Every structure is written in C-alpha cells, then in structure tokens.
Protein backbone atom coordinates (compact mmCIF):
# COMPACT_ATOMS: atom_id res chain seq x y z
CA MET A 1 -74.38 2.87 24.23
CA ALA A 2 -70.75 1.73 24.38
CA TYR A 3 -71.74 -1.62 22.84
CA ALA A 4 -73.40 0.13 19.91
CA ASN A 5 -70.26 2.18 19.27
CA GLN A 6 -68.06 -0.94 19.39
CA LEU A 7 -70.34 -2.79 17.03
CA SER A 8 -70.38 0.17 14.66
CA ALA A 9 -66.58 0.37 14.74
CA TYR A 10 -66.30 -3.39 14.09
CA ARG A 11 -68.65 -3.17 11.11
CA GLU A 12 -66.80 -0.21 9.67
CA THR A 13 -63.43 -1.98 10.01
CA ARG A 14 -64.90 -5.13 8.47
CA VAL A 15 -66.10 -3.19 5.42
CA LYS A 16 -62.88 -1.22 5.04
CA THR A 17 -60.72 -4.31 5.15
CA ALA A 18 -62.90 -6.54 2.93
CA SER A 19 -61.98 -7.50 -0.60
CA GLN A 20 -64.31 -6.46 -3.42
CA GLY A 21 -65.73 -9.97 -3.53
CA GLN A 22 -66.36 -9.95 0.22
CA LEU A 23 -68.13 -6.60 -0.11
CA VAL A 24 -70.43 -7.99 -2.76
CA ILE A 25 -71.17 -10.94 -0.49
CA MET A 26 -71.92 -8.57 2.39
CA LEU A 27 -74.33 -6.65 0.16
CA TYR A 28 -76.16 -9.84 -0.83
CA ASP A 29 -76.23 -10.89 2.85
CA GLU A 30 -77.94 -7.63 3.67
CA ILE A 31 -80.44 -8.00 0.80
CA VAL A 32 -81.38 -11.47 2.07
CA LYS A 33 -81.55 -10.23 5.65
CA GLN A 34 -83.84 -7.33 4.73
CA LEU A 35 -86.11 -9.51 2.58
CA ASP A 36 -86.28 -12.13 5.36
CA ARG A 37 -87.36 -9.40 7.72
CA GLY A 38 -89.98 -8.18 5.25
CA LEU A 39 -91.26 -11.72 4.70
CA GLU A 40 -91.47 -12.38 8.42
CA LEU A 41 -93.44 -9.19 9.03
CA LEU A 42 -95.62 -9.80 5.96
CA ALA A 43 -96.44 -13.34 7.17
CA LEU A 44 -97.51 -11.86 10.49
CA ASN A 45 -99.71 -9.35 8.69
CA ASN A 46 -101.49 -12.07 6.66
CA GLY A 47 -104.43 -13.46 8.51
CA GLU A 48 -104.54 -10.59 10.96
CA LYS A 49 -105.91 -7.09 10.74
CA LYS A 50 -103.42 -5.04 8.75
CA ASP A 51 -101.18 -3.23 11.18
CA PRO A 52 -100.02 0.12 9.73
CA GLY A 53 -96.85 0.05 11.86
CA ARG A 54 -95.98 -3.40 10.55
CA ILE A 55 -96.71 -2.32 6.95
CA GLU A 56 -94.28 0.54 7.40
CA LYS A 57 -91.58 -1.84 8.66
CA ILE A 58 -92.18 -4.16 5.70
CA ASN A 59 -91.88 -1.18 3.38
CA LYS A 60 -88.62 -0.08 4.96
CA ALA A 61 -87.10 -3.56 4.70
CA VAL A 62 -88.04 -3.94 1.05
CA LEU A 63 -86.83 -0.43 0.21
CA LYS A 64 -83.50 -1.11 1.93
CA ALA A 65 -83.08 -4.23 -0.22
CA GLN A 66 -83.91 -2.19 -3.34
CA GLU A 67 -81.35 0.44 -2.38
CA ILE A 68 -78.66 -2.19 -2.09
CA ILE A 69 -79.66 -3.77 -5.39
CA THR A 70 -79.43 -0.33 -7.00
CA GLU A 71 -75.95 0.10 -5.53
CA LEU A 72 -74.96 -3.23 -7.06
CA MET A 73 -76.34 -2.00 -10.38
CA VAL A 74 -74.35 1.21 -10.45
CA SER A 75 -71.17 -0.61 -9.44
CA LEU A 76 -71.22 -2.86 -12.50
CA ASN A 77 -68.31 -2.39 -14.90
CA PHE A 78 -69.68 -2.99 -18.40
CA GLU A 79 -66.29 -2.67 -20.06
CA GLN A 80 -64.68 -5.43 -18.01
CA GLY A 81 -67.84 -7.41 -17.24
CA GLY A 82 -69.23 -7.63 -20.79
CA ASP A 83 -72.26 -9.90 -21.09
CA ILE A 84 -72.13 -10.92 -17.44
CA ALA A 85 -72.45 -7.27 -16.36
CA LYS A 86 -75.31 -6.71 -18.84
CA ASN A 87 -77.12 -9.83 -17.58
CA LEU A 88 -76.64 -8.82 -13.96
CA PHE A 89 -77.95 -5.31 -14.75
CA ALA A 90 -81.05 -6.83 -16.33
CA LEU A 91 -81.53 -9.18 -13.38
CA TYR A 92 -81.10 -6.37 -10.83
CA THR A 93 -83.59 -4.25 -12.77
CA TRP A 94 -86.05 -7.14 -12.63
CA PHE A 95 -85.39 -7.62 -8.91
CA ASN A 96 -86.21 -3.97 -8.22
CA GLN A 97 -89.37 -4.12 -10.37
CA GLU A 98 -90.55 -7.25 -8.62
CA LEU A 99 -89.84 -5.76 -5.19
CA LEU A 100 -91.68 -2.58 -6.14
CA GLU A 101 -94.75 -4.56 -7.16
CA ALA A 102 -94.45 -6.90 -4.16
CA ASN A 103 -94.21 -3.96 -1.80
CA VAL A 104 -97.33 -2.27 -3.23
CA LYS A 105 -99.36 -5.50 -3.28
CA GLN A 106 -97.80 -7.03 -0.14
CA ASP A 107 -96.97 -10.11 -2.23
CA LEU A 108 -95.10 -12.76 -0.26
CA ARG A 109 -94.40 -14.89 -3.34
CA ARG A 110 -92.61 -12.18 -5.28
CA ILE A 111 -90.43 -11.21 -2.34
CA THR A 112 -89.60 -14.86 -1.78
CA VAL A 113 -88.53 -15.36 -5.38
CA VAL A 114 -86.20 -12.35 -5.31
CA ARG A 115 -84.86 -13.38 -1.88
CA ASN A 116 -84.06 -16.90 -3.06
CA MET A 117 -82.41 -15.67 -6.28
CA ALA A 118 -80.33 -13.11 -4.33
CA ASN A 119 -79.25 -15.92 -1.99
CA GLU A 120 -78.19 -18.05 -4.96
CA LEU A 121 -76.14 -15.18 -6.35
CA ARG A 122 -74.59 -14.69 -2.90
CA SER A 123 -73.52 -18.35 -2.91
CA ALA A 124 -72.01 -17.97 -6.38
CA TRP A 125 -70.07 -14.90 -5.29
CA ALA A 126 -68.87 -16.70 -2.18
CA GLN A 127 -67.44 -19.46 -4.39
CA ILE A 128 -65.76 -16.93 -6.68
CA ALA A 129 -64.33 -14.99 -3.74
CA ALA A 130 -62.95 -18.18 -2.17
CA LYS A 131 -61.13 -19.10 -5.37
CA ASN A 132 -59.89 -15.59 -6.13
CA PRO A 133 -58.84 -13.73 -2.96
CA VAL A 134 -58.06 -10.12 -3.85
CA GLU A 135 -55.89 -7.64 -2.03
CA THR A 136 -57.88 -4.90 -0.23
CA ALA A 137 -55.25 -2.20 -0.25
CA ASN A 138 -56.04 0.92 -2.26
CA ARG A 139 -59.53 -0.22 -3.13
CA PRO A 140 -62.09 2.55 -3.48
CA ALA A 141 -64.81 2.63 -0.81
CA MET A 142 -68.34 1.69 -1.80
CA GLY A 143 -71.19 4.03 -0.95
CA VAL A 144 -73.69 1.74 0.73
CA ASN A 145 -74.28 1.57 4.47
CA ILE A 146 -74.82 -2.13 5.03
CA ALA A 147 -74.54 -1.75 8.80
CA GLY A 148 -78.28 -1.63 9.19
C-alpha cells in the first residue's frame, strides 16, 4: 500500500513539473501503452474461445486510449496552431473512429495502425520538445489522468 502511494505521488509530481511538450509526450506514451495492452489481449483472444473477461479488458484499454486522444483534441489551439492544429484534429478524429470500429469488430489491424501512427507522433513531439524546452511555471494543469 505504501508503495502505491509513493508511486502515485511520483507520477503526480512528474506531471505537475513537466513542460507542455513533455505532457503531450506522456499522453502519447499512455496511448501507445493502452493500445499495446489491447493488442496483446486481442492476440490472446484470437485462436481461442472468446473470453468475456478479456474482451472487457480490451475494451477498457481501447477506451482509455480514445479518452486520451479526445483530451488531445480539446487541447488544440486553433488560433496559434493554424493548419497544424486543424490537421491534428482531423487525425485525432480519424484515430477515434478507427478505434471505435476496431473495438466493435476486435480488429487487430486497425488498432495496430493507430498505435503505430500515435508512436510516430510521439517521436515527433519528443524531437520538438528536445529542441524547445519550455518553462513549466504557471502552466495550467491538464485534465487527463495518465497515471493508469
């Protein structure tokens, strides 16, 4: 129990002290993590009798990824971001649509495509964040619980 509290405190501090770029990277990390979990469980379900408990876990992982993608969508600044923000919005919309369909049909391929694209975006953000470190003071908190 004490370990869980320490881990939770560490994660909270990590989020509070992160730059905006680092927060975006953390969100992408969590998307990839959740989709990897869903893919792993889905692969176990293929070839075996469908396990309702496993299907529920797949659903939760995919829904968590969709929630994070939605949070990324609502955090876009269209005034400052211009065409990039519009293109990201369209891409995030497509991600959520693909994940919705994949979740309903238990489609490994669709989840894999979104996972790989999210990972590519994560890498791009990591490069941007490395080149442009931003101060974290006075930054508004984001509303997503990426702790798990």
